[in-house]
Amino acid sequence: MGEILIGTCSWTDPTLIGCGRFYPGWAKSARARLEYYSSQFRLVEVDSSYYSIPNEKVSRLWAERTPDNFIFDVKAFRLFTQHPTPLATLPTDLRSALPAELKAKTSIYQREIPDELVGELWQRFEQALLPLDSMGKLGVILFQFPPWFFPGYSQCEYILGCKERLPQYHLAIEFRNNVWLNEKNRKQSLEFLRENDLPLVCVDEPQGFQSSVPPVAEVTSDISLVRFHGRNREAWEKKGITPAERFDYLYTKEELQEWLPRIRQLAGETQQLHILFNNCRDDKAVVNARQITLMLD
């Protein structure tokens, strides 16, 4: 059996801190909260890196403030996963180097940015994670592609290009378009990931939408991942709501038990399995992470 690590997709979510049911009263600083979280779980996902490129100094502090066996999975910057990215989230010096017509935009795509600036953004992202990597605390870089990212030759080439830009890191791929894993394309998609040593991110999420990926449990690398997004159908594709509202869901014991055979199967076929709860509203994620830990024990 591979090693199973369990955690949540944030330790700094405002609703988690605000609910007062997870952090003890003394854990009021950023340092204290991370130290307490890492005493409870061995894994966490850094979500803030999706919204802006992380700071190397901050990632060094994360590494220094956690136990030796603690692991950080890091979400890729949204520009790198073909999401529209607010111009204000780019580093100030690179933003000022953009052509005038791009500076006038509110949001921007990577394809619009000059190649030399794109290269610099990737280099800074890679550099920012070096402290975690050098201390053996970097798990995977999660690339979560949007619903409009359909399967095809150019899309596969783009994924491989991402891997080439971060050669020393382990990329994991999460699709938000179910066509990648439907009956027609599933075998080919899984073969592509296996041939290129790219972990498939297995998901639990509401079904019946174009962005709904089926709960396929397949190993495609020596690390496997399962992310639990909750089953809040009413909010899944609702516009103008916060992530906390979209992922507001508490799994029942029976719903978690559905995954136990699949989790054991995945762990039996890989070296390390990461289980992450993204239902980060109040303390729902930490409650479910603790529940499934007890179930697996």
Protein backbone atom coordinates (compact mmCIF):
# COMPACT_ATOMS: atom_id res chain seq x y z
CA MET A 1 0.00 0.00 0.00
CA GLY A 2 1.19 3.46 -0.84
CA GLU A 3 1.41 6.16 1.80
CA ILE A 4 -1.89 8.04 2.28
CA LEU A 5 -1.74 11.76 3.15
CA ILE A 6 -4.92 13.64 4.06
CA GLY A 7 -5.59 17.36 4.31
CA THR A 8 -7.62 20.31 3.07
CA CYS A 9 -7.32 22.81 0.25
CA SER A 10 -6.60 25.74 2.55
CA TRP A 11 -5.55 26.47 6.09
CA THR A 12 -6.18 30.23 5.88
CA ASP A 13 -9.75 30.32 4.58
CA PRO A 14 -11.54 33.23 6.34
CA THR A 15 -14.63 31.13 7.06
CA LEU A 16 -12.50 28.43 8.69
CA ILE A 17 -10.77 30.98 10.91
CA GLY A 18 -14.00 32.83 11.59
CA CYS A 19 -16.11 29.82 12.59
CA GLY A 20 -13.96 29.30 15.69
CA ARG A 21 -14.34 25.52 15.66
CA PHE A 22 -10.92 24.43 14.41
CA TYR A 23 -8.15 26.74 15.56
CA PRO A 24 -7.62 27.06 19.32
CA GLY A 25 -7.81 30.49 20.89
CA TRP A 26 -4.05 30.92 21.01
CA ALA A 27 -3.63 30.37 17.23
CA LYS A 28 -4.18 33.96 16.18
CA SER A 29 -1.11 34.60 13.99
CA ALA A 30 -0.31 33.18 10.56
CA ARG A 31 2.57 31.24 12.08
CA ALA A 32 0.48 29.79 14.92
CA ARG A 33 -2.31 28.70 12.59
CA LEU A 34 0.07 26.89 10.24
CA GLU A 35 1.84 25.23 13.15
CA TYR A 36 -1.48 24.05 14.58
CA TYR A 37 -2.81 22.88 11.21
CA SER A 38 0.37 20.88 10.52
CA SER A 39 0.03 19.22 13.92
CA GLN A 40 -3.35 17.87 12.82
CA PHE A 41 -2.69 16.91 9.18
CA ARG A 42 0.33 16.01 7.05
CA LEU A 43 -0.89 17.59 3.81
CA VAL A 44 -2.32 20.90 2.63
CA GLU A 45 -3.00 22.51 -0.72
CA VAL A 46 -1.86 26.08 -1.30
CA ASP A 47 -4.77 27.79 -3.00
CA SER A 48 -3.46 31.38 -2.92
CA SER A 49 -0.91 30.56 -5.64
CA TYR A 50 -3.80 30.31 -8.12
CA TYR A 51 -4.61 33.99 -7.58
CA SER A 52 -1.06 35.37 -7.61
CA ILE A 53 2.50 34.12 -7.95
CA PRO A 54 3.78 33.06 -4.52
CA ASN A 55 6.58 34.82 -2.70
CA GLU A 56 9.82 32.87 -2.17
CA LYS A 57 10.26 34.33 1.31
CA VAL A 58 6.77 33.20 2.31
CA SER A 59 7.25 29.68 0.98
CA ARG A 60 10.50 29.45 2.98
CA LEU A 61 8.59 30.38 6.12
CA TRP A 62 5.98 27.70 5.34
CA ALA A 63 8.75 25.13 5.06
CA GLU A 64 10.43 26.25 8.29
CA ARG A 65 7.22 26.28 10.33
CA THR A 66 6.03 22.77 9.53
CA PRO A 67 7.23 19.27 10.54
CA ASP A 68 9.78 17.44 8.43
CA ASN A 69 7.18 15.07 6.98
CA PHE A 70 4.65 17.77 6.03
CA ILE A 71 3.74 18.22 2.35
CA PHE A 72 2.42 21.20 0.39
CA ASP A 73 0.59 20.70 -2.89
CA VAL A 74 0.54 23.99 -4.79
CA LYS A 75 -2.10 25.18 -7.22
CA ALA A 76 -0.70 26.61 -10.46
CA PHE A 77 -1.16 30.32 -11.19
CA ARG A 78 -4.37 30.75 -13.17
CA LEU A 79 -2.61 32.42 -16.11
CA PHE A 80 -0.78 29.10 -16.70
CA THR A 81 -4.02 27.10 -16.91
CA GLN A 82 -5.61 29.28 -19.61
CA HIS A 83 -7.89 31.15 -17.24
CA PRO A 84 -8.47 34.89 -17.71
CA THR A 85 -6.24 36.64 -15.20
CA PRO A 86 -6.81 40.10 -13.72
CA LEU A 87 -4.03 42.40 -14.83
CA ALA A 88 -3.62 43.66 -11.28
CA THR A 89 -2.42 40.21 -10.12
CA LEU A 90 0.70 40.28 -12.29
CA PRO A 91 3.96 41.48 -10.69
CA THR A 92 4.19 45.27 -10.91
CA ASP A 93 7.39 45.39 -12.97
CA LEU A 94 6.08 42.87 -15.52
CA ARG A 95 2.75 44.64 -15.72
CA SER A 96 4.52 47.90 -16.53
CA ALA A 97 6.49 46.14 -19.30
CA LEU A 98 3.35 45.08 -21.17
CA PRO A 99 2.44 46.76 -24.49
CA ALA A 100 0.10 49.74 -24.10
CA GLU A 101 -2.91 47.93 -25.59
CA LEU A 102 -2.61 45.19 -22.94
CA LYS A 103 -2.22 47.64 -20.06
CA ALA A 104 -5.67 48.98 -20.89
CA LYS A 105 -7.31 45.59 -20.28
CA THR A 106 -8.88 44.41 -17.05
CA SER A 107 -8.06 40.72 -17.60
CA ILE A 108 -5.54 38.99 -19.80
CA TYR A 109 -4.71 35.54 -21.17
CA GLN A 110 -1.23 34.06 -21.37
CA ARG A 111 -1.45 33.86 -25.18
CA GLU A 112 -1.67 37.67 -25.35
CA ILE A 113 1.52 38.32 -23.39
CA PRO A 114 4.92 38.65 -25.13
CA ASP A 115 6.95 35.44 -24.92
CA GLU A 116 9.81 36.93 -22.89
CA LEU A 117 7.38 38.12 -20.19
CA VAL A 118 5.61 34.76 -20.15
CA GLY A 119 8.96 33.07 -19.61
CA GLU A 120 9.75 35.40 -16.73
CA LEU A 121 6.41 34.66 -15.05
CA TRP A 122 7.05 30.92 -15.20
CA GLN A 123 10.59 31.38 -13.90
CA ARG A 124 9.37 33.41 -10.93
CA PHE A 125 6.73 30.80 -10.10
CA GLU A 126 9.37 28.07 -10.21
CA GLN A 127 11.79 30.10 -8.09
CA ALA A 128 9.15 30.85 -5.47
CA LEU A 129 8.66 27.15 -4.74
CA LEU A 130 12.35 26.25 -4.43
CA PRO A 131 12.41 26.48 -0.60
CA LEU A 132 9.61 23.92 -0.35
CA ASP A 133 11.28 21.67 -2.90
CA SER A 134 14.75 21.89 -1.33
CA MET A 135 13.35 20.88 2.06
CA GLY A 136 11.44 17.93 0.61
CA LYS A 137 8.05 19.47 1.34
CA LEU A 138 6.74 20.11 -2.18
CA GLY A 139 4.18 17.58 -3.35
CA VAL A 140 2.60 18.31 -6.74
CA ILE A 141 1.79 21.42 -8.73
CA LEU A 142 -1.92 21.20 -9.44
CA PHE A 143 -2.95 22.30 -12.92
CA GLN A 144 -6.72 22.73 -12.92
CA PHE A 145 -7.85 23.38 -16.48
CA PRO A 146 -11.12 25.22 -17.20
CA PRO A 147 -14.35 23.83 -18.70
CA TRP A 148 -13.48 25.29 -22.12
CA PHE A 149 -10.24 23.25 -22.24
CA PHE A 150 -11.40 20.41 -24.52
CA PRO A 151 -9.29 17.35 -25.40
CA GLY A 152 -7.21 17.67 -28.54
CA TYR A 153 -3.68 17.67 -29.92
CA SER A 154 -2.95 21.33 -29.12
CA GLN A 155 -4.26 20.93 -25.57
CA CYS A 156 -2.03 17.90 -24.95
CA GLU A 157 0.92 19.80 -26.36
CA TYR A 158 0.14 22.66 -24.03
CA ILE A 159 0.13 20.34 -21.01
CA LEU A 160 3.51 18.93 -22.07
CA GLY A 161 4.77 22.50 -22.48
CA CYS A 162 3.79 23.21 -18.87
CA LYS A 163 5.78 20.17 -17.79
CA GLU A 164 8.81 21.39 -19.75
CA ARG A 165 8.63 24.79 -18.04
CA LEU A 166 8.75 23.16 -14.58
CA PRO A 167 11.05 20.19 -15.21
CA GLN A 168 12.04 19.55 -11.59
CA TYR A 169 8.49 19.59 -10.22
CA HIS A 170 5.72 16.99 -10.36
CA LEU A 171 2.64 18.28 -12.20
CA ALA A 172 -0.84 16.87 -11.56
CA ILE A 173 -3.73 17.41 -13.98
CA GLU A 174 -7.34 18.14 -13.06
CA PHE A 175 -9.89 18.50 -15.84
CA ARG A 176 -13.04 20.58 -15.48
CA ASN A 177 -14.51 19.30 -18.75
CA ASN A 178 -16.01 15.82 -18.65
CA VAL A 179 -15.22 15.11 -22.31
CA TRP A 180 -11.67 14.16 -21.30
CA LEU A 181 -12.99 11.23 -19.29
CA ASN A 182 -16.14 10.21 -21.12
CA GLU A 183 -16.44 6.71 -22.61
CA LYS A 184 -15.03 7.82 -25.96
CA ASN A 185 -11.93 9.64 -24.69
CA ARG A 186 -11.17 8.11 -21.30
CA LYS A 187 -8.70 5.45 -22.45
CA GLN A 188 -6.76 7.88 -24.64
CA SER A 189 -6.65 10.57 -21.94
CA LEU A 190 -5.39 8.14 -19.31
CA GLU A 191 -2.76 6.75 -21.69
CA PHE A 192 -1.53 10.28 -22.40
CA LEU A 193 -1.14 10.99 -18.69
CA ARG A 194 0.58 7.65 -17.97
CA GLU A 195 3.00 7.99 -20.88
CA ASN A 196 4.08 11.39 -19.56
CA ASP A 197 4.11 10.56 -15.82
CA LEU A 198 1.33 13.03 -15.04
CA PRO A 199 -0.99 12.20 -12.12
CA LEU A 200 -4.70 12.37 -12.85
CA VAL A 201 -6.57 14.28 -10.17
CA CYS A 202 -9.57 12.12 -9.29
CA VAL A 203 -12.55 14.18 -8.15
CA ASP A 204 -15.81 13.98 -6.28
CA GLU A 205 -18.14 16.76 -7.36
CA PRO A 206 -21.73 17.42 -8.49
CA GLN A 207 -22.67 15.50 -11.60
CA GLY A 208 -24.81 16.48 -14.59
CA PHE A 209 -22.97 19.63 -15.72
CA GLN A 210 -20.47 20.16 -18.57
CA SER A 211 -17.91 20.98 -15.89
CA SER A 212 -18.75 17.76 -14.01
CA VAL A 213 -15.95 15.23 -14.28
CA PRO A 214 -16.99 11.65 -13.42
CA PRO A 215 -15.49 10.13 -10.25
CA VAL A 216 -12.90 8.09 -12.14
CA ALA A 217 -10.32 6.47 -9.84
CA GLU A 218 -7.24 5.76 -11.96
CA VAL A 219 -3.51 5.77 -11.23
CA THR A 220 -1.36 7.43 -13.89
CA SER A 221 1.84 8.15 -11.92
CA ASP A 222 3.64 7.31 -8.68
CA ILE A 223 1.56 9.96 -6.90
CA SER A 224 -2.25 9.92 -7.03
CA LEU A 225 -4.71 12.56 -5.89
CA VAL A 226 -8.36 12.70 -4.90
CA ARG A 227 -9.99 16.09 -4.39
CA PHE A 228 -13.40 16.31 -2.73
CA HIS A 229 -15.24 19.38 -4.01
CA GLY A 230 -18.55 18.69 -2.25
CA ARG A 231 -21.88 17.97 -3.94
CA ASN A 232 -23.57 21.36 -3.82
CA ARG A 233 -25.50 21.13 -7.10
CA GLU A 234 -27.38 24.40 -6.61
CA ALA A 235 -24.15 26.42 -6.41
CA TRP A 236 -21.81 24.45 -8.69
CA GLU A 237 -22.18 26.64 -11.80
CA LYS A 238 -23.88 29.62 -10.20
CA LYS A 239 -22.45 32.97 -11.26
CA GLY A 240 -21.28 35.72 -8.95
CA ILE A 241 -20.74 33.65 -5.79
CA THR A 242 -17.65 33.08 -3.68
CA PRO A 243 -15.67 29.81 -3.64
CA ALA A 244 -16.88 29.28 -0.06
CA GLU A 245 -20.49 29.39 -1.29
CA ARG A 246 -19.78 27.08 -4.23
CA PHE A 247 -18.07 24.44 -2.10
CA ASP A 248 -20.41 24.73 0.87
CA TYR A 249 -21.10 21.06 1.56
CA LEU A 250 -20.59 18.60 4.39
CA TYR A 251 -20.18 14.98 3.29
CA THR A 252 -22.15 12.38 5.16
CA LYS A 253 -20.49 9.29 6.56
CA GLU A 254 -22.22 7.21 3.88
CA GLU A 255 -20.92 9.45 1.08
CA LEU A 256 -17.36 9.15 2.33
CA GLN A 257 -17.71 5.38 2.66
CA GLU A 258 -18.48 5.23 -1.09
CA TRP A 259 -14.88 6.24 -1.70
CA LEU A 260 -13.16 3.83 0.66
CA PRO A 261 -12.81 0.95 -1.86
CA ARG A 262 -11.55 3.37 -4.52
CA ILE A 263 -9.08 4.97 -2.10
CA ARG A 264 -7.69 1.58 -1.12
CA GLN A 265 -7.43 0.63 -4.79
CA LEU A 266 -5.53 3.82 -5.61
CA ALA A 267 -3.22 3.43 -2.62
CA GLY A 268 -2.49 -0.14 -3.67
CA GLU A 269 -1.31 0.97 -7.10
CA THR A 270 0.78 4.03 -6.29
CA GLN A 271 3.54 5.14 -3.93
CA GLN A 272 1.69 8.07 -2.39
CA LEU A 273 -1.96 9.10 -2.37
CA HIS A 274 -3.05 12.65 -1.55
CA ILE A 275 -6.62 13.12 -0.33
CA LEU A 276 -7.72 16.75 -0.21
CA PHE A 277 -11.01 18.27 0.86
CA ASN A 278 -11.97 21.42 -1.03
CA ASN A 279 -15.35 21.90 0.69
CA CYS A 280 -13.77 24.81 2.51
CA ARG A 281 -16.76 26.52 4.09
CA ASP A 282 -16.40 26.98 7.85
CA ASP A 283 -14.87 23.76 9.25
CA LYS A 284 -16.56 21.33 6.83
CA ALA A 285 -13.30 20.35 5.10
CA VAL A 286 -11.41 19.62 8.32
CA VAL A 287 -14.37 17.69 9.74
CA ASN A 288 -14.54 15.45 6.67
CA ALA A 289 -10.74 15.07 6.53
CA ARG A 290 -10.74 13.84 10.12
CA GLN A 291 -13.69 11.53 9.43
CA ILE A 292 -12.05 9.81 6.48
CA THR A 293 -8.79 9.51 8.42
CA LEU A 294 -10.63 7.55 11.12
CA MET A 295 -12.41 5.43 8.51
CA LEU A 296 -9.14 4.47 6.85
CA ASP A 297 -7.46 3.77 10.18
